[in-house]
mmCIF file of all heavy atoms, coordinates in Angstrom:
data_MODEL
# 
_entry.id   MODEL 
# 
loop_
_atom_site.group_PDB 
_atom_site.id 
_atom_site.type_symbol 
_atom_site.label_atom_id 
_atom_site.label_alt_id 
_atom_site.label_comp_id 
_atom_site.label_asym_id 
_atom_site.label_entity_id 
_atom_site.label_seq_id 
_atom_site.pdbx_PDB_ins_code 
_atom_site.Cartn_x 
_atom_site.Cartn_y 
_atom_site.Cartn_z 
_atom_site.occupancy 
_atom_site.B_iso_or_equiv 
_atom_site.pdbx_formal_charge 
_atom_site.auth_seq_id 
_atom_site.auth_comp_id 
_atom_site.auth_asym_id 
_atom_site.auth_atom_id 
_atom_site.pdbx_PDB_model_num 
ATOM 1   N N   . VAL A 1 1  ? -8.840  0.330   -1.169  1.00 0.00 ? 1  VAL A N   1 
ATOM 2   C CA  . VAL A 1 1  ? -7.931  -0.271  -2.131  1.00 0.00 ? 1  VAL A CA  1 
ATOM 3   C C   . VAL A 1 1  ? -6.566  -0.540  -1.509  1.00 0.00 ? 1  VAL A C   1 
ATOM 4   O O   . VAL A 1 1  ? -6.088  -1.673  -1.491  1.00 0.00 ? 1  VAL A O   1 
ATOM 5   C CB  . VAL A 1 1  ? -7.764  0.613   -3.385  1.00 0.00 ? 1  VAL A CB  1 
ATOM 6   C CG1 . VAL A 1 1  ? -6.739  0.005   -4.340  1.00 0.00 ? 1  VAL A CG1 1 
ATOM 7   C CG2 . VAL A 1 1  ? -9.104  0.802   -4.087  1.00 0.00 ? 1  VAL A CG2 1 
ATOM 8   N N   . SER A 1 2  ? -5.938  0.514   -0.983  1.00 0.00 ? 2  SER A N   1 
ATOM 9   C CA  . SER A 1 2  ? -4.584  0.376   -0.470  1.00 0.00 ? 2  SER A CA  1 
ATOM 10  C C   . SER A 1 2  ? -4.254  1.549   0.429   1.00 0.00 ? 2  SER A C   1 
ATOM 11  O O   . SER A 1 2  ? -4.872  2.611   0.331   1.00 0.00 ? 2  SER A O   1 
ATOM 12  C CB  . SER A 1 2  ? -3.580  0.301   -1.636  1.00 0.00 ? 2  SER A CB  1 
ATOM 13  O OG  . SER A 1 2  ? -2.272  0.035   -1.173  1.00 0.00 ? 2  SER A OG  1 
ATOM 14  N N   . ALA A 1 3  ? -3.276  1.361   1.308   1.00 0.00 ? 3  ALA A N   1 
ATOM 15  C CA  . ALA A 1 3  ? -2.824  2.433   2.179   1.00 0.00 ? 3  ALA A CA  1 
ATOM 16  C C   . ALA A 1 3  ? -1.364  2.219   2.535   1.00 0.00 ? 3  ALA A C   1 
ATOM 17  O O   . ALA A 1 3  ? -0.845  1.101   2.483   1.00 0.00 ? 3  ALA A O   1 
ATOM 18  C CB  . ALA A 1 3  ? -3.671  2.506   3.455   1.00 0.00 ? 3  ALA A CB  1 
ATOM 19  N N   . ILE A 1 4  ? -0.716  3.311   2.925   1.00 0.00 ? 4  ILE A N   1 
ATOM 20  C CA  . ILE A 1 4  ? 0.662   3.272   3.374   1.00 0.00 ? 4  ILE A CA  1 
ATOM 21  C C   . ILE A 1 4  ? 0.788   4.214   4.561   1.00 0.00 ? 4  ILE A C   1 
ATOM 22  O O   . ILE A 1 4  ? 0.234   5.314   4.547   1.00 0.00 ? 4  ILE A O   1 
ATOM 23  C CB  . ILE A 1 4  ? 1.630   3.643   2.225   1.00 0.00 ? 4  ILE A CB  1 
ATOM 24  C CG1 . ILE A 1 4  ? 3.085   3.460   2.653   1.00 0.00 ? 4  ILE A CG1 1 
ATOM 25  C CG2 . ILE A 1 4  ? 1.378   5.061   1.722   1.00 0.00 ? 4  ILE A CG2 1 
ATOM 26  C CD1 . ILE A 1 4  ? 4.054   3.473   1.466   1.00 0.00 ? 4  ILE A CD1 1 
ATOM 27  N N   . ASN A 1 5  ? 1.485   3.773   5.602   1.00 0.00 ? 5  ASN A N   1 
ATOM 28  C CA  . ASN A 1 5  ? 1.547   4.599   6.798   1.00 0.00 ? 5  ASN A CA  1 
ATOM 29  C C   . ASN A 1 5  ? 2.499   5.773   6.609   1.00 0.00 ? 5  ASN A C   1 
ATOM 30  O O   . ASN A 1 5  ? 3.178   5.892   5.589   1.00 0.00 ? 5  ASN A O   1 
ATOM 31  C CB  . ASN A 1 5  ? 1.902   3.749   8.023   1.00 0.00 ? 5  ASN A CB  1 
ATOM 32  C CG  . ASN A 1 5  ? 3.368   3.340   8.074   1.00 0.00 ? 5  ASN A CG  1 
ATOM 33  O OD1 . ASN A 1 5  ? 4.082   3.376   7.079   1.00 0.00 ? 5  ASN A OD1 1 
ATOM 34  N ND2 . ASN A 1 5  ? 3.815   2.938   9.253   1.00 0.00 ? 5  ASN A ND2 1 
ATOM 35  N N   . TRP A 1 6  ? 2.545   6.637   7.611   1.00 0.00 ? 6  TRP A N   1 
ATOM 36  C CA  . TRP A 1 6  ? 3.275   7.898   7.460   1.00 0.00 ? 6  TRP A CA  1 
ATOM 37  C C   . TRP A 1 6  ? 4.763   7.700   7.229   1.00 0.00 ? 6  TRP A C   1 
ATOM 38  O O   . TRP A 1 6  ? 5.402   8.518   6.551   1.00 0.00 ? 6  TRP A O   1 
ATOM 39  C CB  . TRP A 1 6  ? 3.045   8.790   8.680   1.00 0.00 ? 6  TRP A CB  1 
ATOM 40  C CG  . TRP A 1 6  ? 3.584   8.218   9.965   1.00 0.00 ? 6  TRP A CG  1 
ATOM 41  C CD1 . TRP A 1 6  ? 2.917   7.433   10.854  1.00 0.00 ? 6  TRP A CD1 1 
ATOM 42  C CD2 . TRP A 1 6  ? 4.893   8.403   10.493  1.00 0.00 ? 6  TRP A CD2 1 
ATOM 43  N NE1 . TRP A 1 6  ? 3.735   7.100   11.908  1.00 0.00 ? 6  TRP A NE1 1 
ATOM 44  C CE2 . TRP A 1 6  ? 4.957   7.693   11.713  1.00 0.00 ? 6  TRP A CE2 1 
ATOM 45  C CE3 . TRP A 1 6  ? 6.026   9.100   10.064  1.00 0.00 ? 6  TRP A CE3 1 
ATOM 46  C CZ2 . TRP A 1 6  ? 6.103   7.654   12.498  1.00 0.00 ? 6  TRP A CZ2 1 
ATOM 47  C CZ3 . TRP A 1 6  ? 7.174   9.063   10.854  1.00 0.00 ? 6  TRP A CZ3 1 
ATOM 48  C CH2 . TRP A 1 6  ? 7.199   8.346   12.053  1.00 0.00 ? 6  TRP A CH2 1 
ATOM 49  N N   . SER A 1 7  ? 5.339   6.643   7.774   1.00 0.00 ? 7  SER A N   1 
ATOM 50  C CA  . SER A 1 7  ? 6.770   6.393   7.612   1.00 0.00 ? 7  SER A CA  1 
ATOM 51  C C   . SER A 1 7  ? 7.091   5.617   6.341   1.00 0.00 ? 7  SER A C   1 
ATOM 52  O O   . SER A 1 7  ? 8.253   5.543   5.941   1.00 0.00 ? 7  SER A O   1 
ATOM 53  C CB  . SER A 1 7  ? 7.307   5.624   8.812   1.00 0.00 ? 7  SER A CB  1 
ATOM 54  O OG  . SER A 1 7  ? 6.827   4.296   8.832   1.00 0.00 ? 7  SER A OG  1 
ATOM 55  N N   . GLY A 1 8  ? 6.078   5.030   5.721   1.00 0.00 ? 8  GLY A N   1 
ATOM 56  C CA  . GLY A 1 8  ? 6.296   4.185   4.561   1.00 0.00 ? 8  GLY A CA  1 
ATOM 57  C C   . GLY A 1 8  ? 6.668   2.759   4.898   1.00 0.00 ? 8  GLY A C   1 
ATOM 58  O O   . GLY A 1 8  ? 6.900   1.958   3.987   1.00 0.00 ? 8  GLY A O   1 
ATOM 59  N N   . GLY A 1 9  ? 6.703   2.419   6.188   1.00 0.00 ? 9  GLY A N   1 
ATOM 60  C CA  . GLY A 1 9  ? 7.137   1.106   6.606   1.00 0.00 ? 9  GLY A CA  1 
ATOM 61  C C   . GLY A 1 9  ? 6.083   0.021   6.558   1.00 0.00 ? 9  GLY A C   1 
ATOM 62  O O   . GLY A 1 9  ? 6.419   -1.164  6.672   1.00 0.00 ? 9  GLY A O   1 
ATOM 63  N N   . SER A 1 10 ? 4.823   0.398   6.422   1.00 0.00 ? 10 SER A N   1 
ATOM 64  C CA  . SER A 1 10 ? 3.735   -0.570  6.391   1.00 0.00 ? 10 SER A CA  1 
ATOM 65  C C   . SER A 1 10 ? 2.799   -0.254  5.241   1.00 0.00 ? 10 SER A C   1 
ATOM 66  O O   . SER A 1 10 ? 2.457   0.907   5.012   1.00 0.00 ? 10 SER A O   1 
ATOM 67  C CB  . SER A 1 10 ? 2.949   -0.560  7.705   1.00 0.00 ? 10 SER A CB  1 
ATOM 68  O OG  . SER A 1 10 ? 3.769   -0.927  8.802   1.00 0.00 ? 10 SER A OG  1 
ATOM 69  N N   . THR A 1 11 ? 2.384   -1.286  4.534   1.00 0.00 ? 11 THR A N   1 
ATOM 70  C CA  . THR A 1 11 ? 1.420   -1.137  3.449   1.00 0.00 ? 11 THR A CA  1 
ATOM 71  C C   . THR A 1 11 ? 0.266   -2.099  3.645   1.00 0.00 ? 11 THR A C   1 
ATOM 72  O O   . THR A 1 11 ? 0.404   -3.143  4.289   1.00 0.00 ? 11 THR A O   1 
ATOM 73  C CB  . THR A 1 11 ? 2.066   -1.372  2.077   1.00 0.00 ? 11 THR A CB  1 
ATOM 74  O OG1 . THR A 1 11 ? 2.646   -2.685  2.050   1.00 0.00 ? 11 THR A OG1 1 
ATOM 75  C CG2 . THR A 1 11 ? 3.147   -0.338  1.803   1.00 0.00 ? 11 THR A CG2 1 
ATOM 76  N N   . TYR A 1 12 ? -0.880  -1.753  3.063   1.00 0.00 ? 12 TYR A N   1 
ATOM 77  C CA  . TYR A 1 12 ? -2.101  -2.529  3.206   1.00 0.00 ? 12 TYR A CA  1 
ATOM 78  C C   . TYR A 1 12 ? -2.797  -2.590  1.858   1.00 0.00 ? 12 TYR A C   1 
ATOM 79  O O   . TYR A 1 12 ? -2.800  -1.613  1.104   1.00 0.00 ? 12 TYR A O   1 
ATOM 80  C CB  . TYR A 1 12 ? -3.034  -1.888  4.243   1.00 0.00 ? 12 TYR A CB  1 
ATOM 81  C CG  . TYR A 1 12 ? -2.376  -1.660  5.580   1.00 0.00 ? 12 TYR A CG  1 
ATOM 82  C CD1 . TYR A 1 12 ? -1.613  -0.516  5.810   1.00 0.00 ? 12 TYR A CD1 1 
ATOM 83  C CD2 . TYR A 1 12 ? -2.515  -2.584  6.608   1.00 0.00 ? 12 TYR A CD2 1 
ATOM 84  C CE1 . TYR A 1 12 ? -0.995  -0.307  7.027   1.00 0.00 ? 12 TYR A CE1 1 
ATOM 85  C CE2 . TYR A 1 12 ? -1.901  -2.375  7.827   1.00 0.00 ? 12 TYR A CE2 1 
ATOM 86  C CZ  . TYR A 1 12 ? -1.139  -1.238  8.036   1.00 0.00 ? 12 TYR A CZ  1 
ATOM 87  O OH  . TYR A 1 12 ? -0.530  -1.035  9.245   1.00 0.00 ? 12 TYR A OH  1 
ATOM 88  N N   . TYR A 1 13 ? -3.419  -3.739  1.572   1.00 0.00 ? 13 TYR A N   1 
ATOM 89  C CA  . TYR A 1 13 ? -4.114  -3.934  0.313   1.00 0.00 ? 13 TYR A CA  1 
ATOM 90  C C   . TYR A 1 13 ? -5.400  -4.704  0.540   1.00 0.00 ? 13 TYR A C   1 
ATOM 91  O O   . TYR A 1 13 ? -5.472  -5.591  1.391   1.00 0.00 ? 13 TYR A O   1 
ATOM 92  C CB  . TYR A 1 13 ? -3.254  -4.713  -0.684  1.00 0.00 ? 13 TYR A CB  1 
ATOM 93  C CG  . TYR A 1 13 ? -1.964  -4.034  -1.051  1.00 0.00 ? 13 TYR A CG  1 
ATOM 94  C CD1 . TYR A 1 13 ? -0.788  -4.326  -0.370  1.00 0.00 ? 13 TYR A CD1 1 
ATOM 95  C CD2 . TYR A 1 13 ? -1.917  -3.099  -2.081  1.00 0.00 ? 13 TYR A CD2 1 
ATOM 96  C CE1 . TYR A 1 13 ? 0.399   -3.700  -0.700  1.00 0.00 ? 13 TYR A CE1 1 
ATOM 97  C CE2 . TYR A 1 13 ? -0.730  -2.472  -2.416  1.00 0.00 ? 13 TYR A CE2 1 
ATOM 98  C CZ  . TYR A 1 13 ? 0.426   -2.772  -1.724  1.00 0.00 ? 13 TYR A CZ  1 
ATOM 99  O OH  . TYR A 1 13 ? 1.613   -2.153  -2.053  1.00 0.00 ? 13 TYR A OH  1 
ATOM 100 N N   . SER A 1 14 ? -6.403  -4.371  -0.239  1.00 0.00 ? 14 SER A N   1 
ATOM 101 C CA  . SER A 1 14 ? -7.606  -5.179  -0.243  1.00 0.00 ? 14 SER A CA  1 
ATOM 102 C C   . SER A 1 14 ? -7.321  -6.498  -0.943  1.00 0.00 ? 14 SER A C   1 
ATOM 103 O O   . SER A 1 14 ? -6.401  -6.605  -1.772  1.00 0.00 ? 14 SER A O   1 
ATOM 104 C CB  . SER A 1 14 ? -8.746  -4.452  -0.953  1.00 0.00 ? 14 SER A CB  1 
ATOM 105 O OG  . SER A 1 14 ? -8.496  -4.346  -2.343  1.00 0.00 ? 14 SER A OG  1 
ATOM 106 N N   . ASP A 1 15 ? -8.109  -7.515  -0.621  1.00 0.00 ? 15 ASP A N   1 
ATOM 107 C CA  . ASP A 1 15 ? -7.931  -8.810  -1.269  1.00 0.00 ? 15 ASP A CA  1 
ATOM 108 C C   . ASP A 1 15 ? -8.119  -8.716  -2.782  1.00 0.00 ? 15 ASP A C   1 
ATOM 109 O O   . ASP A 1 15 ? -7.492  -9.460  -3.543  1.00 0.00 ? 15 ASP A O   1 
ATOM 110 C CB  . ASP A 1 15 ? -8.908  -9.830  -0.695  1.00 0.00 ? 15 ASP A CB  1 
ATOM 111 C CG  . ASP A 1 15 ? -8.585  -10.218 0.732   1.00 0.00 ? 15 ASP A CG  1 
ATOM 112 O OD1 . ASP A 1 15 ? -7.423  -10.031 1.158   1.00 0.00 ? 15 ASP A OD1 1 
ATOM 113 O OD2 . ASP A 1 15 ? -9.486  -10.719 1.425   1.00 0.00 ? 15 ASP A OD2 1 
ATOM 114 N N   . ALA A 1 16 ? -8.958  -7.795  -3.221  1.00 0.00 ? 16 ALA A N   1 
ATOM 115 C CA  . ALA A 1 16 ? -9.262  -7.676  -4.637  1.00 0.00 ? 16 ALA A CA  1 
ATOM 116 C C   . ALA A 1 16 ? -8.066  -7.233  -5.469  1.00 0.00 ? 16 ALA A C   1 
ATOM 117 O O   . ALA A 1 16 ? -7.992  -7.554  -6.660  1.00 0.00 ? 16 ALA A O   1 
ATOM 118 C CB  . ALA A 1 16 ? -10.429 -6.710  -4.845  1.00 0.00 ? 16 ALA A CB  1 
ATOM 119 N N   . VAL A 1 17 ? -7.138  -6.491  -4.860  1.00 0.00 ? 17 VAL A N   1 
ATOM 120 C CA  . VAL A 1 17 ? -6.020  -5.946  -5.626  1.00 0.00 ? 17 VAL A CA  1 
ATOM 121 C C   . VAL A 1 17 ? -4.674  -6.504  -5.202  1.00 0.00 ? 17 VAL A C   1 
ATOM 122 O O   . VAL A 1 17 ? -3.664  -6.239  -5.870  1.00 0.00 ? 17 VAL A O   1 
ATOM 123 C CB  . VAL A 1 17 ? -5.984  -4.404  -5.545  1.00 0.00 ? 17 VAL A CB  1 
ATOM 124 C CG1 . VAL A 1 17 ? -7.338  -3.819  -5.920  1.00 0.00 ? 17 VAL A CG1 1 
ATOM 125 C CG2 . VAL A 1 17 ? -5.556  -3.935  -4.155  1.00 0.00 ? 17 VAL A CG2 1 
ATOM 126 N N   . LYS A 1 18 ? -4.637  -7.270  -4.142  1.00 0.00 ? 18 LYS A N   1 
ATOM 127 C CA  . LYS A 1 18 ? -3.375  -7.794  -3.629  1.00 0.00 ? 18 LYS A CA  1 
ATOM 128 C C   . LYS A 1 18 ? -2.660  -8.617  -4.695  1.00 0.00 ? 18 LYS A C   1 
ATOM 129 O O   . LYS A 1 18 ? -3.258  -9.465  -5.350  1.00 0.00 ? 18 LYS A O   1 
ATOM 130 C CB  . LYS A 1 18 ? -3.633  -8.637  -2.384  1.00 0.00 ? 18 LYS A CB  1 
ATOM 131 C CG  . LYS A 1 18 ? -2.384  -9.000  -1.602  1.00 0.00 ? 18 LYS A CG  1 
ATOM 132 C CD  . LYS A 1 18 ? -2.761  -9.686  -0.290  1.00 0.00 ? 18 LYS A CD  1 
ATOM 133 C CE  . LYS A 1 18 ? -3.582  -8.766  0.600   1.00 0.00 ? 18 LYS A CE  1 
ATOM 134 N NZ  . LYS A 1 18 ? -3.925  -9.401  1.903   1.00 0.00 ? 18 LYS A NZ  1 
ATOM 135 N N   . GLY A 1 19 ? -1.379  -8.344  -4.867  1.00 0.00 ? 19 GLY A N   1 
ATOM 136 C CA  . GLY A 1 19 ? -0.587  -9.026  -5.865  1.00 0.00 ? 19 GLY A CA  1 
ATOM 137 C C   . GLY A 1 19 ? -0.565  -8.343  -7.210  1.00 0.00 ? 19 GLY A C   1 
ATOM 138 O O   . GLY A 1 19 ? 0.272   -8.683  -8.058  1.00 0.00 ? 19 GLY A O   1 
ATOM 139 N N   . ARG A 1 20 ? -1.464  -7.386  -7.430  1.00 0.00 ? 20 ARG A N   1 
ATOM 140 C CA  . ARG A 1 20 ? -1.524  -6.656  -8.691  1.00 0.00 ? 20 ARG A CA  1 
ATOM 141 C C   . ARG A 1 20 ? -1.185  -5.178  -8.542  1.00 0.00 ? 20 ARG A C   1 
ATOM 142 O O   . ARG A 1 20 ? -0.609  -4.580  -9.448  1.00 0.00 ? 20 ARG A O   1 
ATOM 143 C CB  . ARG A 1 20 ? -2.909  -6.789  -9.324  1.00 0.00 ? 20 ARG A CB  1 
ATOM 144 C CG  . ARG A 1 20 ? -3.295  -8.221  -9.661  1.00 0.00 ? 20 ARG A CG  1 
ATOM 145 C CD  . ARG A 1 20 ? -4.613  -8.278  -10.431 1.00 0.00 ? 20 ARG A CD  1 
ATOM 146 N NE  . ARG A 1 20 ? -5.733  -7.758  -9.647  1.00 0.00 ? 20 ARG A NE  1 
ATOM 147 C CZ  . ARG A 1 20 ? -6.468  -6.696  -9.999  1.00 0.00 ? 20 ARG A CZ  1 
ATOM 148 N NH1 . ARG A 1 20 ? -6.199  -6.043  -11.120 1.00 0.00 ? 20 ARG A NH1 1 
ATOM 149 N NH2 . ARG A 1 20 ? -7.473  -6.311  -9.226  1.00 0.00 ? 20 ARG A NH2 1 
ATOM 150 N N   . PHE A 1 21 ? -1.554  -4.588  -7.411  1.00 0.00 ? 21 PHE A N   1 
ATOM 151 C CA  . PHE A 1 21 ? -1.323  -3.164  -7.171  1.00 0.00 ? 21 PHE A CA  1 
ATOM 152 C C   . PHE A 1 21 ? -0.204  -2.985  -6.160  1.00 0.00 ? 21 PHE A C   1 
ATOM 153 O O   . PHE A 1 21 ? -0.025  -3.808  -5.253  1.00 0.00 ? 21 PHE A O   1 
ATOM 154 C CB  . PHE A 1 21 ? -2.581  -2.488  -6.622  1.00 0.00 ? 21 PHE A CB  1 
ATOM 155 C CG  . PHE A 1 21 ? -3.732  -2.379  -7.584  1.00 0.00 ? 21 PHE A CG  1 
ATOM 156 C CD1 . PHE A 1 21 ? -3.725  -3.026  -8.808  1.00 0.00 ? 21 PHE A CD1 1 
ATOM 157 C CD2 . PHE A 1 21 ? -4.838  -1.617  -7.247  1.00 0.00 ? 21 PHE A CD2 1 
ATOM 158 C CE1 . PHE A 1 21 ? -4.793  -2.929  -9.682  1.00 0.00 ? 21 PHE A CE1 1 
ATOM 159 C CE2 . PHE A 1 21 ? -5.908  -1.507  -8.108  1.00 0.00 ? 21 PHE A CE2 1 
ATOM 160 C CZ  . PHE A 1 21 ? -5.895  -2.159  -9.323  1.00 0.00 ? 21 PHE A CZ  1 
ATOM 161 N N   . THR A 1 22 ? 0.537   -1.888  -6.281  1.00 0.00 ? 22 THR A N   1 
ATOM 162 C CA  . THR A 1 22 ? 1.592   -1.555  -5.347  1.00 0.00 ? 22 THR A CA  1 
ATOM 163 C C   . THR A 1 22 ? 1.497   -0.082  -4.984  1.00 0.00 ? 22 THR A C   1 
ATOM 164 O O   . THR A 1 22 ? 1.460   0.776   -5.868  1.00 0.00 ? 22 THR A O   1 
ATOM 165 C CB  . THR A 1 22 ? 2.981   -1.843  -5.932  1.00 0.00 ? 22 THR A CB  1 
ATOM 166 O OG1 . THR A 1 22 ? 3.077   -3.219  -6.313  1.00 0.00 ? 22 THR A OG1 1 
ATOM 167 C CG2 . THR A 1 22 ? 4.068   -1.536  -4.906  1.00 0.00 ? 22 THR A CG2 1 
ATOM 168 N N   . ILE A 1 23 ? 1.456   0.202   -3.691  1.00 0.00 ? 23 ILE A N   1 
ATOM 169 C CA  . ILE A 1 23 ? 1.432   1.577   -3.223  1.00 0.00 ? 23 ILE A CA  1 
ATOM 170 C C   . ILE A 1 23 ? 2.832   1.974   -2.767  1.00 0.00 ? 23 ILE A C   1 
ATOM 171 O O   . ILE A 1 23 ? 3.573   1.163   -2.202  1.00 0.00 ? 23 ILE A O   1 
ATOM 172 C CB  . ILE A 1 23 ? 0.403   1.766   -2.087  1.00 0.00 ? 23 ILE A CB  1 
ATOM 173 C CG1 . ILE A 1 23 ? 0.197   3.246   -1.780  1.00 0.00 ? 23 ILE A CG1 1 
ATOM 174 C CG2 . ILE A 1 23 ? 0.813   0.994   -0.834  1.00 0.00 ? 23 ILE A CG2 1 
ATOM 175 C CD1 . ILE A 1 23 ? -0.983  3.516   -0.848  1.00 0.00 ? 23 ILE A CD1 1 
ATOM 176 N N   . SER A 1 24 ? 3.201   3.214   -3.017  1.00 0.00 ? 24 SER A N   1 
ATOM 177 C CA  . SER A 1 24 ? 4.481   3.735   -2.579  1.00 0.00 ? 24 SER A CA  1 
ATOM 178 C C   . SER A 1 24 ? 4.340   5.226   -2.338  1.00 0.00 ? 24 SER A C   1 
ATOM 179 O O   . SER A 1 24 ? 3.356   5.842   -2.736  1.00 0.00 ? 24 SER A O   1 
ATOM 180 C CB  . SER A 1 24 ? 5.582   3.447   -3.603  1.00 0.00 ? 24 SER A CB  1 
ATOM 181 O OG  . SER A 1 24 ? 5.297   4.063   -4.847  1.00 0.00 ? 24 SER A OG  1 
ATOM 182 N N   . ARG A 1 25 ? 5.331   5.810   -1.686  1.00 0.00 ? 25 ARG A N   1 
ATOM 183 C CA  . ARG A 1 25 ? 5.260   7.235   -1.403  1.00 0.00 ? 25 ARG A CA  1 
ATOM 184 C C   . ARG A 1 25 ? 6.639   7.868   -1.424  1.00 0.00 ? 25 ARG A C   1 
ATOM 185 O O   . ARG A 1 25 ? 7.654   7.195   -1.212  1.00 0.00 ? 25 ARG A O   1 
ATOM 186 C CB  . ARG A 1 25 ? 4.575   7.493   -0.062  1.00 0.00 ? 25 ARG A CB  1 
ATOM 187 C CG  . ARG A 1 25 ? 5.374   7.072   1.163   1.00 0.00 ? 25 ARG A CG  1 
ATOM 188 C CD  . ARG A 1 25 ? 4.578   7.304   2.434   1.00 0.00 ? 25 ARG A CD  1 
ATOM 189 N NE  . ARG A 1 25 ? 4.222   8.709   2.607   1.00 0.00 ? 25 ARG A NE  1 
ATOM 190 C CZ  . ARG A 1 25 ? 3.311   9.156   3.457   1.00 0.00 ? 25 ARG A CZ  1 
ATOM 191 N NH1 . ARG A 1 25 ? 2.635   8.297   4.217   1.00 0.00 ? 25 ARG A NH1 1 
ATOM 192 N NH2 . ARG A 1 25 ? 3.054   10.458  3.549   1.00 0.00 ? 25 ARG A NH2 1 
ATOM 193 N N   . GLU A 1 26 ? 6.647   9.155   -1.693  1.00 0.00 ? 26 GLU A N   1 
ATOM 194 C CA  . GLU A 1 26 ? 7.829   9.977   -1.574  1.00 0.00 ? 26 GLU A CA  1 
ATOM 195 C C   . GLU A 1 26 ? 7.546   10.960  -0.454  1.00 0.00 ? 26 GLU A C   1 
ATOM 196 O O   . GLU A 1 26 ? 6.842   11.943  -0.639  1.00 0.00 ? 26 GLU A O   1 
ATOM 197 C CB  . GLU A 1 26 ? 8.132   10.711  -2.875  1.00 0.00 ? 26 GLU A CB  1 
ATOM 198 C CG  . GLU A 1 26 ? 8.434   9.776   -4.036  1.00 0.00 ? 26 GLU A CG  1 
ATOM 199 C CD  . GLU A 1 26 ? 8.706   10.522  -5.312  1.00 0.00 ? 26 GLU A CD  1 
ATOM 200 O OE1 . GLU A 1 26 ? 8.847   11.765  -5.276  1.00 0.00 ? 26 GLU A OE1 1 
ATOM 201 O OE2 . GLU A 1 26 ? 8.795   9.861   -6.371  1.00 0.00 ? 26 GLU A OE2 1 
ATOM 202 N N   . ASN A 1 27 ? 8.097   10.685  0.718   1.00 0.00 ? 27 ASN A N   1 
ATOM 203 C CA  . ASN A 1 27 ? 7.746   11.460  1.912   1.00 0.00 ? 27 ASN A CA  1 
ATOM 204 C C   . ASN A 1 27 ? 8.112   12.936  1.786   1.00 0.00 ? 27 ASN A C   1 
ATOM 205 O O   . ASN A 1 27 ? 7.365   13.802  2.233   1.00 0.00 ? 27 ASN A O   1 
ATOM 206 C CB  . ASN A 1 27 ? 8.422   10.864  3.144   1.00 0.00 ? 27 ASN A CB  1 
ATOM 207 C CG  . ASN A 1 27 ? 7.833   9.531   3.545   1.00 0.00 ? 27 ASN A CG  1 
ATOM 208 O OD1 . ASN A 1 27 ? 6.650   9.271   3.343   1.00 0.00 ? 27 ASN A OD1 1 
ATOM 209 N ND2 . ASN A 1 27 ? 8.656   8.672   4.136   1.00 0.00 ? 27 ASN A ND2 1 
# 
Protein backbone atom coordinates (compact mmCIF):
# COMPACT_ATOMS: atom_id res chain seq x y z
CA VAL A 1 0.00 0.00 0.00
CA SER A 2 2.51 2.60 1.15
CA ALA A 3 5.88 3.08 2.82
CA ILE A 4 8.02 5.81 4.32
CA ASN A 5 11.76 5.62 4.84
CA TRP A 6 13.49 5.93 8.19
CA SER A 7 14.16 9.67 7.84
CA GLY A 8 10.69 10.49 6.54
CA GLY A 9 12.18 12.05 3.43
CA SER A 10 10.81 9.55 0.92
CA THR A 11 7.35 8.07 0.52
CA TYR A 12 5.98 5.36 -1.76
CA TYR A 13 2.46 4.45 -2.85
CA SER A 14 0.84 1.76 -4.89
CA ASP A 15 -0.98 2.92 -8.01
CA ALA A 16 -4.25 1.80 -6.45
CA VAL A 17 -4.05 4.32 -3.60
CA LYS A 18 -1.91 7.11 -5.03
CA GLY A 19 -3.62 10.47 -4.68
CA ARG A 20 -6.03 9.19 -2.02
CA PHE A 21 -3.80 7.90 0.80
CA THR A 22 -1.04 9.73 2.65
CA ILE A 23 1.60 8.13 4.85
CA SER A 24 3.39 10.07 7.57
CA ARG A 25 5.43 9.36 10.67
CA GLU A 26 6.46 10.78 14.00
CA ASN A 27 10.05 9.63 14.35
